[in-house]
């Protein structure tokens, strides 16, 4: 987004090193010479290109948000016009009469998924198994999804949600989810035969500090 455009200086972006993946996702389409396949497994050249792109974007960013409530407030007050957001933020903004809408770029978008895990060293694993059985029941999934503002992991939960909720979160729409690059922690091991040629997360963190200035 260049300077001189209506949204210049009024852009919001997520405040995390993982946001570098968003730039990589853009470059995956617009810089085929970089040969980016996985936006979380970037070699030095791919990573530097993504960092450089975000440094170009920096003058237009008015706010880096870590808490969605901060972004919500900026849209309600009309301080910012466009940027990366979670669906729950848009839902709350619309509920409070802020004129916002959501879209996914043609290049796709990054996303995240919450996961419950059981420790291999849990002293009382049966308790966790009981929790897993309970939290994955459709009615409870509906409650959690609506309270937290995310898609339920169990599609049958949609029979217990408010009308239109699952449609908003594209439950049962595999084509939508294929457009998302779900977060994962970057490691030196590229995981695809390139060996340890990828940039691990600590370097993402250092680069993020430089990008923000």
C-alpha atoms as a PDB file:
ATOM      1  CA  UNK A   1       0.000   0.000   0.000  1.00  0.00           C
ATOM      2  CA  UNK A   2       1.681   3.141  -1.193  1.00  0.00           C
ATOM      3  CA  UNK A   3       1.803   6.595   0.291  1.00  0.00           C
ATOM      4  CA  UNK A   4      -0.738   9.000  -1.144  1.00  0.00           C
ATOM      5  CA  UNK A   5      -3.529   6.410  -1.156  1.00  0.00           C
ATOM      6  CA  UNK A   6      -6.597   7.019   1.066  1.00  0.00           C
ATOM      7  CA  UNK A   7      -5.556   4.453   3.665  1.00  0.00           C
ATOM      8  CA  UNK A   8      -1.907   5.532   3.836  1.00  0.00           C
ATOM      9  CA  UNK A   9      -1.048   6.269   7.436  1.00  0.00           C
ATOM     10  CA  UNK A  10      -4.236   4.588   8.619  1.00  0.00           C
ATOM     11  CA  UNK A  11      -3.275   0.915   8.328  1.00  0.00           C
ATOM     12  CA  UNK A  12      -3.255  -1.598  11.197  1.00  0.00           C
ATOM     13  CA  UNK A  13      -1.143  -4.730  11.367  1.00  0.00           C
ATOM     14  CA  UNK A  14      -0.753  -7.592  13.807  1.00  0.00           C
ATOM     15  CA  UNK A  15       2.071  -7.026  16.277  1.00  0.00           C
ATOM     16  CA  UNK A  16       3.994 -10.278  16.082  1.00  0.00           C
ATOM     17  CA  UNK A  17       6.991 -11.700  14.209  1.00  0.00           C
ATOM     18  CA  UNK A  18       4.589 -14.224  12.660  1.00  0.00           C
ATOM     19  CA  UNK A  19       3.188 -11.320  10.606  1.00  0.00           C
ATOM     20  CA  UNK A  20       6.265 -11.722   8.390  1.00  0.00           C
ATOM     21  CA  UNK A  21       4.441 -14.736   6.955  1.00  0.00           C
ATOM     22  CA  UNK A  22       1.737 -12.401   5.616  1.00  0.00           C
ATOM     23  CA  UNK A  23       4.358 -10.612   3.553  1.00  0.00           C
ATOM     24  CA  UNK A  24       5.718 -13.962   2.385  1.00  0.00           C
ATOM     25  CA  UNK A  25       2.217 -14.985   1.326  1.00  0.00           C
ATOM     26  CA  UNK A  26       1.953 -11.856  -0.820  1.00  0.00           C
ATOM     27  CA  UNK A  27       5.364 -12.507  -2.354  1.00  0.00           C
ATOM     28  CA  UNK A  28       4.464 -16.134  -3.041  1.00  0.00           C
ATOM     29  CA  UNK A  29       2.093 -14.823  -5.708  1.00  0.00           C
ATOM     30  CA  UNK A  30       3.828 -11.660  -6.861  1.00  0.00           C
ATOM     31  CA  UNK A  31       7.466 -12.799  -6.757  1.00  0.00           C
ATOM     32  CA  UNK A  32       7.438 -16.292  -8.292  1.00  0.00           C
ATOM     33  CA  UNK A  33      11.203 -15.989  -8.756  1.00  0.00           C
ATOM     34  CA  UNK A  34      11.551 -16.421  -4.985  1.00  0.00           C
ATOM     35  CA  UNK A  35       9.921 -19.865  -5.242  1.00  0.00           C
ATOM     36  CA  UNK A  36       8.138 -19.610  -1.904  1.00  0.00           C
ATOM     37  CA  UNK A  37       6.128 -22.745  -1.191  1.00  0.00           C
ATOM     38  CA  UNK A  38       5.661 -22.573   2.582  1.00  0.00           C
ATOM     39  CA  UNK A  39       5.437 -19.105   4.156  1.00  0.00           C
ATOM     40  CA  UNK A  40       6.740 -20.517   7.455  1.00  0.00           C
ATOM     41  CA  UNK A  41       9.760 -22.208   5.860  1.00  0.00           C
ATOM     42  CA  UNK A  42      11.719 -19.369   4.294  1.00  0.00           C
ATOM     43  CA  UNK A  43      15.343 -19.466   3.227  1.00  0.00           C
ATOM     44  CA  UNK A  44      17.525 -16.387   3.648  1.00  0.00           C
ATOM     45  CA  UNK A  45      16.587 -14.767   0.335  1.00  0.00           C
ATOM     46  CA  UNK A  46      12.861 -15.408   0.790  1.00  0.00           C
ATOM     47  CA  UNK A  47      12.951 -14.175   4.370  1.00  0.00           C
ATOM     48  CA  UNK A  48      14.833 -10.996   3.512  1.00  0.00           C
ATOM     49  CA  UNK A  49      12.386 -10.199   0.723  1.00  0.00           C
ATOM     50  CA  UNK A  50       9.480 -10.489   3.171  1.00  0.00           C
ATOM     51  CA  UNK A  51      11.259  -8.302   5.730  1.00  0.00           C
ATOM     52  CA  UNK A  52      12.059  -5.683   3.088  1.00  0.00           C
ATOM     53  CA  UNK A  53       8.419  -5.610   1.996  1.00  0.00           C
ATOM     54  CA  UNK A  54       7.241  -4.937   5.555  1.00  0.00           C
ATOM     55  CA  UNK A  55       9.841  -2.200   5.944  1.00  0.00           C
ATOM     56  CA  UNK A  56       8.314  -0.575   2.854  1.00  0.00           C
ATOM     57  CA  UNK A  57       4.885  -0.889   4.436  1.00  0.00           C
ATOM     58  CA  UNK A  58       6.010   0.554   7.785  1.00  0.00           C
ATOM     59  CA  UNK A  59       5.417   4.294   7.007  1.00  0.00           C
ATOM     60  CA  UNK A  60       1.764   3.533   6.262  1.00  0.00           C
ATOM     61  CA  UNK A  61       1.118   1.606   9.481  1.00  0.00           C
ATOM     62  CA  UNK A  62      -0.527   3.684  12.176  1.00  0.00           C
ATOM     63  CA  UNK A  63      -0.984   0.899  14.689  1.00  0.00           C
ATOM     64  CA  UNK A  64       0.464  -2.504  15.474  1.00  0.00           C
ATOM     65  CA  UNK A  65      -2.031  -4.362  17.640  1.00  0.00           C
ATOM     66  CA  UNK A  66      -1.473  -7.254  20.000  1.00  0.00           C
ATOM     67  CA  UNK A  67      -4.896  -7.091  21.668  1.00  0.00           C
ATOM     68  CA  UNK A  68      -7.921  -7.238  19.393  1.00  0.00           C
ATOM     69  CA  UNK A  69      -9.676  -4.726  21.663  1.00  0.00           C
ATOM     70  CA  UNK A  70      -7.087  -2.100  20.683  1.00  0.00           C
ATOM     71  CA  UNK A  71      -7.832  -2.663  17.022  1.00  0.00           C
ATOM     72  CA  UNK A  72     -11.552  -2.628  17.708  1.00  0.00           C
ATOM     73  CA  UNK A  73     -11.270   0.787  19.325  1.00  0.00           C
ATOM     74  CA  UNK A  74      -9.262   2.210  16.424  1.00  0.00           C
ATOM     75  CA  UNK A  75     -11.893   1.143  13.902  1.00  0.00           C
ATOM     76  CA  UNK A  76     -14.722   2.460  16.074  1.00  0.00           C
ATOM     77  CA  UNK A  77     -13.003   5.839  16.321  1.00  0.00           C
ATOM     78  CA  UNK A  78     -12.181   5.807  12.568  1.00  0.00           C
ATOM     79  CA  UNK A  79      -8.460   6.312  13.237  1.00  0.00           C
ATOM     80  CA  UNK A  80      -7.660   3.399  10.956  1.00  0.00           C
ATOM     81  CA  UNK A  81      -9.197   2.328   7.677  1.00  0.00           C
ATOM     82  CA  UNK A  82      -7.770  -1.083   6.787  1.00  0.00           C
ATOM     83  CA  UNK A  83      -5.600  -3.869   8.079  1.00  0.00           C
ATOM     84  CA  UNK A  84      -5.282  -7.413   9.279  1.00  0.00           C
ATOM     85  CA  UNK A  85      -7.966  -8.486  11.726  1.00  0.00           C
ATOM     86  CA  UNK A  86      -9.691 -11.450  13.269  1.00  0.00           C
ATOM     87  CA  UNK A  87     -13.298 -12.207  12.415  1.00  0.00           C
ATOM     88  CA  UNK A  88     -14.311 -11.703  16.049  1.00  0.00           C
ATOM     89  CA  UNK A  89     -12.973  -8.129  15.874  1.00  0.00           C
ATOM     90  CA  UNK A  90     -15.134  -7.405  12.851  1.00  0.00           C
ATOM     91  CA  UNK A  91     -18.147  -8.991  14.536  1.00  0.00           C
ATOM     92  CA  UNK A  92     -17.741  -6.788  17.599  1.00  0.00           C
ATOM     93  CA  UNK A  93     -17.155  -3.690  15.501  1.00  0.00           C
ATOM     94  CA  UNK A  94     -20.328  -4.329  13.507  1.00  0.00           C
ATOM     95  CA  UNK A  95     -22.256  -4.946  16.707  1.00  0.00           C
ATOM     96  CA  UNK A  96     -21.134  -1.519  17.896  1.00  0.00           C
ATOM     97  CA  UNK A  97     -22.219   0.122  14.622  1.00  0.00           C
ATOM     98  CA  UNK A  98     -18.744   0.630  13.155  1.00  0.00           C
ATOM     99  CA  UNK A  99     -18.850   0.520   9.330  1.00  0.00           C
ATOM    100  CA  UNK A 100     -16.470  -2.367   8.648  1.00  0.00           C
ATOM    101  CA  UNK A 101     -16.378  -5.380   6.344  1.00  0.00           C
ATOM    102  CA  UNK A 102     -14.014  -8.315   5.922  1.00  0.00           C
ATOM    103  CA  UNK A 103     -12.386  -9.896   2.926  1.00  0.00           C
ATOM    104  CA  UNK A 104      -9.529 -12.231   2.062  1.00  0.00           C
ATOM    105  CA  UNK A 105      -6.918 -11.005  -0.431  1.00  0.00           C
ATOM    106  CA  UNK A 106      -6.553 -12.866  -3.691  1.00  0.00           C
ATOM    107  CA  UNK A 107      -3.208 -14.111  -2.373  1.00  0.00           C
ATOM    108  CA  UNK A 108      -4.885 -15.761   0.616  1.00  0.00           C
ATOM    109  CA  UNK A 109      -4.428 -15.098   4.328  1.00  0.00           C
ATOM    110  CA  UNK A 110      -2.716 -16.475   7.394  1.00  0.00           C
ATOM    111  CA  UNK A 111      -4.752 -17.906  10.253  1.00  0.00           C
ATOM    112  CA  UNK A 112      -4.548 -19.828  13.488  1.00  0.00           C
ATOM    113  CA  UNK A 113      -6.168 -22.768  15.178  1.00  0.00           C
ATOM    114  CA  UNK A 114      -6.472 -23.373  18.923  1.00  0.00           C
ATOM    115  CA  UNK A 115      -5.471 -26.865  20.028  1.00  0.00           C
ATOM    116  CA  UNK A 116      -5.891 -28.858  23.212  1.00  0.00           C
ATOM    117  CA  UNK A 117      -2.999 -31.238  23.904  1.00  0.00           C
ATOM    118  CA  UNK A 118      -2.291 -33.886  26.526  1.00  0.00           C
ATOM    119  CA  UNK A 119       1.130 -33.971  28.150  1.00  0.00           C
ATOM    120  CA  UNK A 120       2.952 -37.265  27.785  1.00  0.00           C
ATOM    121  CA  UNK A 121       3.907 -36.868  31.454  1.00  0.00           C
ATOM    122  CA  UNK A 122       0.475 -35.995  32.812  1.00  0.00           C
ATOM    123  CA  UNK A 123      -0.039 -37.465  36.269  1.00  0.00           C
ATOM    124  CA  UNK A 124      -3.770 -37.862  35.740  1.00  0.00           C
ATOM    125  CA  UNK A 125      -4.314 -38.352  32.004  1.00  0.00           C
ATOM    126  CA  UNK A 126      -7.821 -39.738  32.487  1.00  0.00           C
ATOM    127  CA  UNK A 127      -8.943 -36.325  33.708  1.00  0.00           C
ATOM    128  CA  UNK A 128      -7.699 -34.768  30.467  1.00  0.00           C
ATOM    129  CA  UNK A 129      -9.368 -37.440  28.383  1.00  0.00           C
ATOM    130  CA  UNK A 130     -12.635 -36.633  30.145  1.00  0.00           C
ATOM    131  CA  UNK A 131     -12.058 -32.955  29.397  1.00  0.00           C
ATOM    132  CA  UNK A 132     -11.391 -33.742  25.731  1.00  0.00           C
ATOM    133  CA  UNK A 133     -14.589 -35.760  25.518  1.00  0.00           C
ATOM    134  CA  UNK A 134     -16.558 -32.892  27.056  1.00  0.00           C
ATOM    135  CA  UNK A 135     -15.017 -29.955  25.180  1.00  0.00           C
ATOM    136  CA  UNK A 136     -15.568 -31.660  21.818  1.00  0.00           C
ATOM    137  CA  UNK A 137     -19.287 -32.274  22.292  1.00  0.00           C
ATOM    138  CA  UNK A 138     -21.370 -30.228  19.831  1.00  0.00           C
ATOM    139  CA  UNK A 139     -23.253 -28.150  22.394  1.00  0.00           C
ATOM    140  CA  UNK A 140     -20.093 -27.165  24.300  1.00  0.00           C
ATOM    141  CA  UNK A 141     -18.249 -26.471  21.047  1.00  0.00           C
ATOM    142  CA  UNK A 142     -21.039 -24.070  20.118  1.00  0.00           C
ATOM    143  CA  UNK A 143     -20.715 -22.275  23.436  1.00  0.00           C
ATOM    144  CA  UNK A 144     -16.938 -21.958  23.208  1.00  0.00           C
ATOM    145  CA  UNK A 145     -16.964 -20.841  19.575  1.00  0.00           C
ATOM    146  CA  UNK A 146     -19.523 -18.111  20.129  1.00  0.00           C
ATOM    147  CA  UNK A 147     -17.937 -16.861  23.349  1.00  0.00           C
ATOM    148  CA  UNK A 148     -14.417 -16.737  21.924  1.00  0.00           C
ATOM    149  CA  UNK A 149     -15.301 -15.792  18.360  1.00  0.00           C
ATOM    150  CA  UNK A 150     -13.941 -18.643  16.279  1.00  0.00           C
ATOM    151  CA  UNK A 151     -15.129 -21.552  14.181  1.00  0.00           C
ATOM    152  CA  UNK A 152     -16.088 -24.690  16.125  1.00  0.00           C
ATOM    153  CA  UNK A 153     -13.920 -27.732  15.440  1.00  0.00           C
ATOM    154  CA  UNK A 154     -17.027 -29.918  15.436  1.00  0.00           C
ATOM    155  CA  UNK A 155     -19.413 -29.053  12.567  1.00  0.00           C
ATOM    156  CA  UNK A 156     -22.366 -30.552  14.446  1.00  0.00           C
ATOM    157  CA  UNK A 157     -22.011 -27.611  16.854  1.00  0.00           C
ATOM    158  CA  UNK A 158     -23.664 -25.421  14.224  1.00  0.00           C
ATOM    159  CA  UNK A 159     -27.097 -26.770  15.164  1.00  0.00           C
ATOM    160  CA  UNK A 160     -26.660 -25.008  18.542  1.00  0.00           C
ATOM    161  CA  UNK A 161     -25.160 -21.700  17.394  1.00  0.00           C
ATOM    162  CA  UNK A 162     -26.954 -18.492  16.538  1.00  0.00           C
ATOM    163  CA  UNK A 163     -28.312 -18.255  13.020  1.00  0.00           C
ATOM    164  CA  UNK A 164     -25.603 -17.323  10.532  1.00  0.00           C
ATOM    165  CA  UNK A 165     -22.712 -17.863  12.953  1.00  0.00           C
ATOM    166  CA  UNK A 166     -21.213 -20.879  11.187  1.00  0.00           C
ATOM    167  CA  UNK A 167     -21.685 -19.288   7.779  1.00  0.00           C
ATOM    168  CA  UNK A 168     -19.680 -16.271   8.945  1.00  0.00           C
ATOM    169  CA  UNK A 169     -16.839 -18.548  10.019  1.00  0.00           C
ATOM    170  CA  UNK A 170     -17.119 -20.734   6.898  1.00  0.00           C
ATOM    171  CA  UNK A 171     -17.721 -23.965   8.781  1.00  0.00           C
ATOM    172  CA  UNK A 172     -18.010 -26.791   6.256  1.00  0.00           C
ATOM    173  CA  UNK A 173     -16.347 -24.746   3.493  1.00  0.00           C
ATOM    174  CA  UNK A 174     -13.081 -26.551   2.634  1.00  0.00           C
ATOM    175  CA  UNK A 175     -12.367 -24.217  -0.283  1.00  0.00           C
ATOM    176  CA  UNK A 176     -12.192 -21.303   2.154  1.00  0.00           C
ATOM    177  CA  UNK A 177      -9.731 -23.035   4.457  1.00  0.00           C
ATOM    178  CA  UNK A 178      -7.491 -24.002   1.562  1.00  0.00           C
ATOM    179  CA  UNK A 179      -6.885 -20.260   1.126  1.00  0.00           C
ATOM    180  CA  UNK A 180      -5.464 -20.000   4.652  1.00  0.00           C
ATOM    181  CA  UNK A 181      -1.869 -20.608   5.732  1.00  0.00           C
ATOM    182  CA  UNK A 182      -2.223 -21.708   9.348  1.00  0.00           C
ATOM    183  CA  UNK A 183       0.395 -20.503  11.774  1.00  0.00           C
ATOM    184  CA  UNK A 184       3.249 -22.732  12.803  1.00  0.00           C
ATOM    185  CA  UNK A 185       6.578 -21.978  14.425  1.00  0.00           C
ATOM    186  CA  UNK A 186       9.371 -21.471  11.853  1.00  0.00           C
ATOM    187  CA  UNK A 187      12.352 -23.766  12.383  1.00  0.00           C
ATOM    188  CA  UNK A 188      15.765 -24.129  10.767  1.00  0.00           C
ATOM    189  CA  UNK A 189      14.646 -27.485   9.359  1.00  0.00           C
ATOM    190  CA  UNK A 190      12.646 -26.588   6.269  1.00  0.00           C
ATOM    191  CA  UNK A 191      10.830 -29.909   6.442  1.00  0.00           C
ATOM    192  CA  UNK A 192      10.891 -30.413   2.696  1.00  0.00           C
ATOM    193  CA  UNK A 193      14.267 -31.811   1.786  1.00  0.00           C
ATOM    194  CA  UNK A 194      16.181 -28.524   1.879  1.00  0.00           C
ATOM    195  CA  UNK A 195      17.714 -29.410   5.237  1.00  0.00           C
ATOM    196  CA  UNK A 196      18.444 -26.726   7.823  1.00  0.00           C
ATOM    197  CA  UNK A 197      18.423 -23.856   5.336  1.00  0.00           C
ATOM    198  CA  UNK A 198      15.400 -22.024   6.709  1.00  0.00           C
ATOM    199  CA  UNK A 199      15.219 -19.066   9.072  1.00  0.00           C
ATOM    200  CA  UNK A 200      14.152 -20.089  12.569  1.00  0.00           C
ATOM    201  CA  UNK A 201      11.830 -18.077  14.775  1.00  0.00           C
ATOM    202  CA  UNK A 202      14.411 -16.222  16.872  1.00  0.00           C
ATOM    203  CA  UNK A 203      15.581 -14.462  13.708  1.00  0.00           C
ATOM    204  CA  UNK A 204      11.974 -13.644  12.862  1.00  0.00           C
ATOM    205  CA  UNK A 205      11.725 -12.007  16.283  1.00  0.00           C
ATOM    206  CA  UNK A 206      14.879  -9.948  15.768  1.00  0.00           C
ATOM    207  CA  UNK A 207      13.768  -8.859  12.313  1.00  0.00           C
ATOM    208  CA  UNK A 208      10.371  -7.837  13.662  1.00  0.00           C
ATOM    209  CA  UNK A 209      12.033  -5.396  16.050  1.00  0.00           C
ATOM    210  CA  UNK A 210      13.876  -3.847  13.116  1.00  0.00           C
ATOM    211  CA  UNK A 211      10.723  -3.636  11.003  1.00  0.00           C
ATOM    212  CA  UNK A 212       8.787  -1.754  13.662  1.00  0.00           C
ATOM    213  CA  UNK A 213      11.703   0.616  14.277  1.00  0.00           C
END
